Amino acid sequence: MNIGEFNLNKGRMMGWIATRTIDLPKLGLRPVESQNELAPAYEILALNVGDRWVQVGALWEAIAKKTGEVFLQGNVDDPCMPEALPIALFGNDAEGYRVAWRRPERRDDFGPAVRTPRGDAPSSRGDDYGFGGSTADEHGGLTTDTAAADLDDEVAF
């Protein structure tokens, strides 16, 4: 989704980013001069309420795996924002850049949504989902097998 643009204006790369809840009408890209290969290509600057330029992000060069296209990627962040806004800039200095945004895919902390039975899982169903076997019988009561019989009723503090 395109949410802004940057264009060369009097020798400076100036632009804007706008979403439903964010409006950054005056942004600048300042090239970073560094010998460090991990340094960003640009700092993203914004005017604050005191009319001073402050850094609100950085952009690094990246290469698209499928097309080989070179683009810029990074984040816009500020303490007033609930989380950083990941962005990518496509284009070039001469023709300008369009700013794209994409929601990062959330990681599934419990593994994939589709589960397959595990060969020698301790669960009677064969699908322990990484939490170990059940101590409940088919009616929801505590089983009396040896694994369940070893459970302590008290928790030591």
N, C-alpha and C. Protein backbone atom coordinates (compact mmCIF):
# COMPACT_ATOMS: atom_id res chain seq x y z
N MET A 1 0.85 -1.17 0.00
CA MET A 1 0.00 0.00 0.00
C MET A 1 0.90 1.23 0.00
N ASN A 2 0.68 2.14 -0.94
CA ASN A 2 1.45 3.37 -1.00
C ASN A 2 0.89 4.38 -0.01
N ILE A 3 1.79 4.96 0.80
CA ILE A 3 1.35 5.90 1.83
C ILE A 3 2.10 7.22 1.77
N GLY A 4 2.89 7.46 0.73
CA GLY A 4 3.62 8.72 0.64
C GLY A 4 4.55 8.76 -0.55
N GLU A 5 5.32 9.84 -0.59
CA GLU A 5 6.29 9.99 -1.68
C GLU A 5 7.39 10.95 -1.26
N PHE A 6 8.53 10.82 -1.93
CA PHE A 6 9.67 11.71 -1.76
C PHE A 6 10.13 12.15 -3.14
N ASN A 7 10.48 13.44 -3.28
CA ASN A 7 10.98 13.99 -4.54
C ASN A 7 12.10 14.97 -4.25
N LEU A 8 12.98 15.12 -5.23
CA LEU A 8 14.08 16.07 -5.12
C LEU A 8 13.51 17.49 -5.24
N ASN A 9 13.83 18.35 -4.26
CA ASN A 9 13.32 19.71 -4.23
C ASN A 9 14.46 20.63 -3.79
N LYS A 10 14.99 21.42 -4.71
CA LYS A 10 16.09 22.35 -4.43
C LYS A 10 17.30 21.63 -3.81
N GLY A 11 17.62 20.47 -4.39
CA GLY A 11 18.79 19.72 -3.95
C GLY A 11 18.56 18.85 -2.72
N ARG A 12 17.36 18.85 -2.17
CA ARG A 12 17.06 18.04 -0.98
C ARG A 12 15.93 17.06 -1.30
N MET A 13 16.02 15.87 -0.75
CA MET A 13 14.97 14.87 -0.94
C MET A 13 13.90 15.11 0.13
N MET A 14 12.75 15.64 -0.29
CA MET A 14 11.66 16.00 0.63
C MET A 14 10.42 15.17 0.30
N GLY A 15 9.60 14.91 1.32
CA GLY A 15 8.40 14.13 1.07
C GLY A 15 7.44 14.14 2.23
N TRP A 16 6.50 13.20 2.16
CA TRP A 16 5.44 13.10 3.16
C TRP A 16 5.01 11.65 3.31
N ILE A 17 4.44 11.33 4.46
CA ILE A 17 3.81 10.03 4.72
C ILE A 17 2.50 10.32 5.42
N ALA A 18 1.42 9.69 4.95
CA ALA A 18 0.12 9.88 5.58
C ALA A 18 -0.66 8.57 5.59
N THR A 19 -1.23 8.26 6.75
CA THR A 19 -2.15 7.13 6.90
C THR A 19 -3.40 7.68 7.58
N ARG A 20 -4.29 6.80 7.98
CA ARG A 20 -5.51 7.26 8.65
C ARG A 20 -5.19 7.94 9.97
N THR A 21 -4.15 7.49 10.68
CA THR A 21 -3.84 8.05 12.00
C THR A 21 -2.51 8.80 12.06
N ILE A 22 -1.72 8.75 11.00
CA ILE A 22 -0.41 9.41 10.99
C ILE A 22 -0.37 10.40 9.84
N ASP A 23 0.06 11.63 10.13
CA ASP A 23 0.25 12.63 9.08
C ASP A 23 1.60 13.30 9.29
N LEU A 24 2.54 12.94 8.45
CA LEU A 24 3.88 13.54 8.49
C LEU A 24 4.04 14.32 7.19
N PRO A 25 3.59 15.59 7.18
CA PRO A 25 3.52 16.35 5.92
C PRO A 25 4.87 16.86 5.41
N LYS A 26 5.88 16.92 6.26
CA LYS A 26 7.16 17.46 5.81
C LYS A 26 8.29 16.59 6.37
N LEU A 27 8.80 15.73 5.49
CA LEU A 27 9.90 14.84 5.85
C LEU A 27 11.08 15.10 4.94
N GLY A 28 12.26 14.78 5.43
CA GLY A 28 13.46 14.91 4.62
C GLY A 28 14.31 13.66 4.74
N LEU A 29 15.04 13.35 3.68
CA LEU A 29 16.01 12.25 3.70
C LEU A 29 17.40 12.85 3.65
N ARG A 30 18.21 12.56 4.67
CA ARG A 30 19.58 13.06 4.71
C ARG A 30 20.52 11.88 4.49
N PRO A 31 21.35 11.95 3.42
CA PRO A 31 22.30 10.85 3.18
C PRO A 31 23.26 10.69 4.35
N VAL A 32 23.56 9.44 4.68
CA VAL A 32 24.51 9.13 5.76
C VAL A 32 25.86 8.87 5.13
N GLU A 33 26.87 9.59 5.60
CA GLU A 33 28.23 9.39 5.11
C GLU A 33 28.99 8.60 6.16
N SER A 34 29.25 7.33 5.85
CA SER A 34 29.92 6.45 6.81
C SER A 34 30.70 5.39 6.05
N GLN A 35 31.80 4.96 6.63
CA GLN A 35 32.60 3.86 6.08
C GLN A 35 32.08 2.50 6.58
N ASN A 36 31.18 2.53 7.56
CA ASN A 36 30.64 1.30 8.12
C ASN A 36 29.62 0.71 7.16
N GLU A 37 29.83 -0.54 6.75
CA GLU A 37 28.92 -1.16 5.78
C GLU A 37 27.53 -1.43 6.37
N LEU A 38 27.38 -1.37 7.68
CA LEU A 38 26.08 -1.57 8.32
C LEU A 38 25.31 -0.26 8.54
N ALA A 39 25.94 0.85 8.19
CA ALA A 39 25.29 2.16 8.38
C ALA A 39 24.13 2.31 7.40
N PRO A 40 23.10 3.04 7.79
CA PRO A 40 21.98 3.26 6.86
C PRO A 40 22.42 4.15 5.69
N ALA A 41 21.64 4.11 4.62
CA ALA A 41 21.89 4.98 3.47
C ALA A 41 21.36 6.38 3.73
N TYR A 42 20.22 6.48 4.45
CA TYR A 42 19.58 7.76 4.74
C TYR A 42 19.04 7.78 6.16
N GLU A 43 19.03 8.97 6.74
CA GLU A 43 18.27 9.23 7.96
C GLU A 43 16.96 9.89 7.53
N ILE A 44 15.86 9.54 8.20
CA ILE A 44 14.57 10.18 7.93
C ILE A 44 14.39 11.27 8.98
N LEU A 45 14.17 12.51 8.53
CA LEU A 45 14.01 13.65 9.42
C LEU A 45 12.60 14.21 9.30
N ALA A 46 12.08 14.73 10.43
CA ALA A 46 10.77 15.37 10.44
C ALA A 46 10.86 16.65 11.24
N LEU A 47 10.00 17.61 10.89
CA LEU A 47 9.91 18.83 11.69
C LEU A 47 9.08 18.55 12.94
N ASN A 48 9.61 18.93 14.11
CA ASN A 48 8.84 18.74 15.33
C ASN A 48 8.00 19.99 15.61
N VAL A 49 7.28 19.99 16.74
CA VAL A 49 6.39 21.12 17.05
C VAL A 49 7.16 22.41 17.29
N GLY A 50 8.45 22.32 17.60
CA GLY A 50 9.28 23.50 17.78
C GLY A 50 9.95 23.94 16.50
N ASP A 51 9.54 23.37 15.36
CA ASP A 51 10.07 23.71 14.05
C ASP A 51 11.55 23.36 13.91
N ARG A 52 11.95 22.24 14.58
CA ARG A 52 13.33 21.74 14.48
C ARG A 52 13.30 20.39 13.79
N TRP A 53 14.34 20.10 12.98
CA TRP A 53 14.44 18.81 12.33
C TRP A 53 14.95 17.78 13.32
N VAL A 54 14.24 16.66 13.45
CA VAL A 54 14.64 15.56 14.33
C VAL A 54 14.60 14.26 13.54
N GLN A 55 15.48 13.34 13.92
CA GLN A 55 15.51 12.05 13.23
C GLN A 55 14.37 11.18 13.74
N VAL A 56 13.61 10.61 12.80
CA VAL A 56 12.50 9.72 13.16
C VAL A 56 12.64 8.34 12.50
N GLY A 57 13.77 8.10 11.87
CA GLY A 57 13.96 6.80 11.25
C GLY A 57 15.21 6.74 10.41
N ALA A 58 15.39 5.61 9.77
CA ALA A 58 16.55 5.39 8.90
C ALA A 58 16.16 4.41 7.80
N LEU A 59 16.91 4.46 6.69
CA LEU A 59 16.66 3.59 5.55
C LEU A 59 17.96 2.93 5.11
N TRP A 60 17.88 1.65 4.80
CA TRP A 60 19.01 0.89 4.31
C TRP A 60 18.70 0.41 2.89
N GLU A 61 19.73 0.26 2.08
CA GLU A 61 19.53 -0.30 0.74
C GLU A 61 19.26 -1.78 0.85
N ALA A 62 18.34 -2.26 0.01
CA ALA A 62 18.01 -3.68 -0.04
C ALA A 62 17.81 -4.06 -1.51
N ILE A 63 17.85 -5.35 -1.78
CA ILE A 63 17.66 -5.85 -3.14
C ILE A 63 16.53 -6.86 -3.12
N ALA A 64 15.54 -6.66 -4.01
CA ALA A 64 14.41 -7.59 -4.12
C ALA A 64 14.91 -8.94 -4.62
N LYS A 65 14.53 -10.01 -3.93
CA LYS A 65 15.00 -11.35 -4.29
C LYS A 65 14.50 -11.79 -5.67
N LYS A 66 13.27 -11.48 -6.00
CA LYS A 66 12.70 -11.95 -7.26
C LYS A 66 13.14 -11.12 -8.45
N THR A 67 13.18 -9.80 -8.31
CA THR A 67 13.44 -8.93 -9.47
C THR A 67 14.85 -8.35 -9.51
N GLY A 68 15.54 -8.35 -8.39
CA GLY A 68 16.87 -7.74 -8.33
C GLY A 68 16.83 -6.23 -8.19
N GLU A 69 15.61 -5.66 -8.06
CA GLU A 69 15.45 -4.21 -7.93
C GLU A 69 16.04 -3.72 -6.60
N VAL A 70 16.79 -2.62 -6.68
CA VAL A 70 17.34 -1.99 -5.48
C VAL A 70 16.29 -1.03 -4.92
N PHE A 71 16.03 -1.11 -3.63
CA PHE A 71 15.08 -0.22 -2.97
C PHE A 71 15.60 0.12 -1.59
N LEU A 72 14.91 1.01 -0.90
CA LEU A 72 15.28 1.41 0.45
C LEU A 72 14.24 0.88 1.43
N GLN A 73 14.69 0.39 2.56
CA GLN A 73 13.74 -0.08 3.57
C GLN A 73 14.21 0.34 4.95
N GLY A 74 13.24 0.55 5.83
CA GLY A 74 13.55 0.96 7.19
C GLY A 74 12.28 1.19 7.97
N ASN A 75 12.37 2.04 9.00
CA ASN A 75 11.24 2.31 9.88
C ASN A 75 11.15 3.80 10.19
N VAL A 76 9.92 4.23 10.42
CA VAL A 76 9.67 5.54 11.00
C VAL A 76 9.21 5.26 12.42
N ASP A 77 9.82 5.92 13.40
CA ASP A 77 9.47 5.65 14.80
C ASP A 77 9.58 6.93 15.61
N ASP A 78 8.75 7.03 16.61
CA ASP A 78 8.72 8.18 17.50
C ASP A 78 8.09 7.73 18.80
N PRO A 79 8.48 8.30 19.95
CA PRO A 79 7.88 7.89 21.22
C PRO A 79 6.35 8.04 21.27
N CYS A 80 5.78 8.92 20.45
CA CYS A 80 4.33 9.09 20.47
C CYS A 80 3.61 7.99 19.68
N MET A 81 4.35 7.19 18.92
CA MET A 81 3.73 6.12 18.12
C MET A 81 3.71 4.83 18.93
N PRO A 82 2.63 4.04 18.83
CA PRO A 82 2.56 2.79 19.57
C PRO A 82 3.60 1.77 19.12
N GLU A 83 4.00 1.79 17.85
CA GLU A 83 5.05 0.93 17.34
C GLU A 83 5.63 1.54 16.08
N ALA A 84 6.79 1.06 15.70
CA ALA A 84 7.47 1.58 14.51
C ALA A 84 6.65 1.28 13.26
N LEU A 85 6.75 2.15 12.26
CA LEU A 85 6.06 1.98 10.98
C LEU A 85 7.08 1.50 9.96
N PRO A 86 7.00 0.22 9.55
CA PRO A 86 7.95 -0.28 8.55
C PRO A 86 7.59 0.25 7.17
N ILE A 87 8.59 0.77 6.45
CA ILE A 87 8.34 1.34 5.12
C ILE A 87 9.41 0.86 4.14
N ALA A 88 9.08 0.98 2.86
CA ALA A 88 10.04 0.72 1.78
C ALA A 88 9.84 1.81 0.74
N LEU A 89 10.93 2.30 0.18
CA LEU A 89 10.87 3.34 -0.86
C LEU A 89 11.33 2.73 -2.18
N PHE A 90 10.49 2.90 -3.20
CA PHE A 90 10.80 2.38 -4.53
C PHE A 90 10.90 3.55 -5.50
N GLY A 91 11.93 3.54 -6.31
CA GLY A 91 12.17 4.60 -7.27
C GLY A 91 13.64 4.96 -7.27
N ASN A 92 13.92 6.25 -7.54
CA ASN A 92 15.30 6.72 -7.53
C ASN A 92 15.32 8.21 -7.25
N ASP A 93 16.52 8.75 -7.02
CA ASP A 93 16.65 10.17 -6.69
C ASP A 93 16.11 11.08 -7.80
N ALA A 94 16.37 10.73 -9.05
CA ALA A 94 15.98 11.59 -10.17
C ALA A 94 14.46 11.63 -10.37
N GLU A 95 13.80 10.50 -10.29
CA GLU A 95 12.36 10.44 -10.55
C GLU A 95 11.51 10.48 -9.29
N GLY A 96 12.16 10.35 -8.13
CA GLY A 96 11.43 10.35 -6.87
C GLY A 96 11.15 8.94 -6.38
N TYR A 97 10.65 8.87 -5.18
CA TYR A 97 10.35 7.59 -4.53
C TYR A 97 8.88 7.55 -4.13
N ARG A 98 8.28 6.39 -4.22
CA ARG A 98 6.96 6.18 -3.63
C ARG A 98 7.18 5.34 -2.37
N VAL A 99 6.44 5.69 -1.33
CA VAL A 99 6.59 5.03 -0.03
C VAL A 99 5.54 3.95 0.09
N ALA A 100 5.98 2.74 0.33
CA ALA A 100 5.06 1.60 0.49
C ALA A 100 5.14 1.10 1.92
N TRP A 101 4.03 0.57 2.37
CA TRP A 101 3.93 0.01 3.71
C TRP A 101 3.28 -1.35 3.60
N ARG A 102 3.71 -2.27 4.46
CA ARG A 102 3.12 -3.60 4.50
C ARG A 102 3.17 -4.07 5.94
N ARG A 103 2.03 -4.57 6.42
CA ARG A 103 1.99 -5.07 7.79
C ARG A 103 2.89 -6.29 7.90
N PRO A 104 3.80 -6.29 8.87
CA PRO A 104 4.65 -7.48 9.01
C PRO A 104 3.81 -8.68 9.43
N GLU A 105 4.15 -9.85 8.90
CA GLU A 105 3.42 -11.06 9.26
C GLU A 105 3.76 -11.42 10.70
N ARG A 106 2.72 -11.71 11.47
CA ARG A 106 2.94 -12.09 12.86
C ARG A 106 3.46 -13.51 12.93
N ARG A 107 4.36 -13.73 13.83
CA ARG A 107 4.92 -15.05 14.05
C ARG A 107 3.97 -15.84 14.93
N ASP A 108 3.75 -17.09 14.59
CA ASP A 108 2.90 -17.96 15.39
C ASP A 108 3.76 -18.57 16.50
N ASP A 109 3.58 -18.09 17.73
CA ASP A 109 4.40 -18.57 18.84
C ASP A 109 4.15 -20.03 19.19
N PHE A 110 3.02 -20.59 18.76
CA PHE A 110 2.69 -21.97 19.08
C PHE A 110 2.95 -22.91 17.92
N GLY A 111 3.60 -22.43 16.88
CA GLY A 111 3.87 -23.28 15.74
C GLY A 111 2.80 -23.13 14.68
N PRO A 112 2.84 -23.98 13.66
CA PRO A 112 1.88 -23.86 12.56
C PRO A 112 0.45 -24.18 13.01
N ALA A 113 -0.52 -23.61 12.31
CA ALA A 113 -1.92 -23.83 12.65
C ALA A 113 -2.37 -25.24 12.29
N VAL A 114 -1.77 -25.82 11.27
CA VAL A 114 -2.12 -27.18 10.86
C VAL A 114 -1.14 -28.13 11.54
N ARG A 115 -1.66 -29.01 12.35
CA ARG A 115 -0.82 -29.94 13.09
C ARG A 115 -0.88 -31.33 12.48
N THR A 116 0.23 -32.00 12.51
CA THR A 116 0.24 -33.39 12.08
C THR A 116 0.62 -34.24 13.26
N PRO A 117 0.05 -35.43 13.37
CA PRO A 117 0.38 -36.29 14.52
C PRO A 117 1.86 -36.60 14.54
N ARG A 118 2.40 -36.68 15.72
CA ARG A 118 3.82 -37.02 15.89
C ARG A 118 3.92 -38.52 16.11
N GLY A 119 4.94 -39.11 15.55
CA GLY A 119 5.10 -40.56 15.59
C GLY A 119 5.01 -41.18 16.97
N ASP A 120 5.87 -40.81 17.89
CA ASP A 120 5.91 -41.43 19.21
C ASP A 120 5.55 -40.43 20.29
N ALA A 121 4.54 -39.61 20.05
CA ALA A 121 4.14 -38.60 21.02
C ALA A 121 3.59 -39.27 22.27
N PRO A 122 3.85 -38.71 23.46
CA PRO A 122 3.39 -39.32 24.70
C PRO A 122 1.87 -39.24 24.88
N SER A 123 1.22 -38.37 24.15
CA SER A 123 -0.23 -38.22 24.27
C SER A 123 -0.93 -39.45 23.73
N SER A 124 -2.04 -39.82 24.32
CA SER A 124 -2.80 -40.96 23.83
C SER A 124 -3.38 -40.68 22.44
N ARG A 125 -3.57 -39.38 22.08
CA ARG A 125 -4.09 -39.02 20.77
C ARG A 125 -2.97 -38.89 19.76
N GLY A 126 -1.73 -38.80 20.20
CA GLY A 126 -0.60 -38.67 19.28
C GLY A 126 -0.38 -37.25 18.79
N ASP A 127 -0.99 -36.23 19.43
CA ASP A 127 -0.81 -34.85 18.98
C ASP A 127 -0.66 -33.93 20.19
N ASP A 128 0.50 -34.00 20.83
CA ASP A 128 0.70 -33.27 22.08
C ASP A 128 0.93 -31.78 21.89
N TYR A 129 1.11 -31.30 20.66
CA TYR A 129 1.28 -29.88 20.36
C TYR A 129 2.43 -29.25 21.14
N GLY A 130 3.37 -30.06 21.58
CA GLY A 130 4.53 -29.52 22.27
C GLY A 130 4.31 -29.25 23.74
N PHE A 131 3.13 -29.59 24.28
CA PHE A 131 2.84 -29.33 25.69
C PHE A 131 2.93 -30.60 26.54
N GLY A 132 3.31 -31.74 25.97
CA GLY A 132 3.37 -32.98 26.72
C GLY A 132 2.03 -33.69 26.73
N GLY A 133 2.02 -34.90 27.32
CA GLY A 133 0.80 -35.70 27.36
C GLY A 133 -0.21 -35.15 28.34
N SER A 134 -1.45 -35.57 28.17
CA SER A 134 -2.53 -35.13 29.04
C SER A 134 -2.58 -35.95 30.31
N THR A 135 -2.97 -35.33 31.40
CA THR A 135 -3.18 -36.06 32.66
C THR A 135 -4.67 -36.29 32.90
N ALA A 136 -5.49 -35.96 31.90
CA ALA A 136 -6.94 -36.15 32.02
C ALA A 136 -7.37 -37.37 31.21
N ASP A 137 -8.36 -38.10 31.75
CA ASP A 137 -8.90 -39.21 30.98
C ASP A 137 -9.95 -38.68 30.02
N GLU A 138 -10.60 -39.57 29.28
CA GLU A 138 -11.56 -39.14 28.26
C GLU A 138 -12.77 -38.43 28.83
N HIS A 139 -13.03 -38.54 30.16
CA HIS A 139 -14.16 -37.86 30.80
C HIS A 139 -13.72 -36.60 31.56
N GLY A 140 -12.45 -36.25 31.46
CA GLY A 140 -11.95 -35.04 32.10
C GLY A 140 -11.41 -35.26 33.50
N GLY A 141 -11.46 -36.49 33.99
CA GLY A 141 -10.93 -36.78 35.33
C GLY A 141 -9.44 -37.07 35.25
N LEU A 142 -8.78 -37.04 36.42
CA LEU A 142 -7.34 -37.30 36.50
C LEU A 142 -7.09 -38.77 36.25
N THR A 143 -6.16 -39.09 35.35
CA THR A 143 -5.85 -40.49 35.07
C THR A 143 -5.07 -41.08 36.22
N THR A 144 -5.06 -42.37 36.31
CA THR A 144 -4.34 -43.05 37.40
C THR A 144 -3.12 -43.78 36.89
N ASP A 145 -2.71 -43.47 35.64
CA ASP A 145 -1.50 -44.12 35.15
C ASP A 145 -0.28 -43.60 35.91
N THR A 146 0.86 -44.20 35.71
CA THR A 146 2.04 -43.86 36.50
C THR A 146 2.48 -42.42 36.34
N ALA A 147 2.34 -41.85 35.13
CA ALA A 147 2.74 -40.46 34.93
C ALA A 147 1.89 -39.53 35.76
N ALA A 148 0.58 -39.76 35.81
CA ALA A 148 -0.30 -38.90 36.57
C ALA A 148 -0.17 -39.16 38.07
N ALA A 149 0.15 -40.41 38.45
CA ALA A 149 0.27 -40.74 39.87
C ALA A 149 1.47 -40.05 40.50
N ASP A 150 2.45 -39.65 39.70
CA ASP A 150 3.64 -38.99 40.22
C ASP A 150 3.43 -37.50 40.47
N LEU A 151 2.28 -36.95 40.12
CA LEU A 151 2.04 -35.53 40.30
C LEU A 151 1.88 -35.20 41.78
N ASP A 152 2.48 -34.10 42.21
CA ASP A 152 2.31 -33.62 43.58
C ASP A 152 1.09 -32.74 43.65
N ASP A 153 0.35 -32.85 44.76
CA ASP A 153 -0.79 -31.96 44.97
C ASP A 153 -0.34 -30.62 45.52
N GLU A 154 0.88 -30.55 46.01
CA GLU A 154 1.38 -29.30 46.60
C GLU A 154 2.41 -28.67 45.67
N VAL A 155 2.43 -27.37 45.67
CA VAL A 155 3.41 -26.63 44.90
C VAL A 155 4.37 -25.97 45.89
N ALA A 156 5.63 -26.31 45.80
CA ALA A 156 6.62 -25.72 46.73
C ALA A 156 6.91 -24.29 46.33
N PHE A 157 6.95 -23.40 47.33
CA PHE A 157 7.28 -22.00 47.07
C PHE A 157 8.61 -21.67 47.64
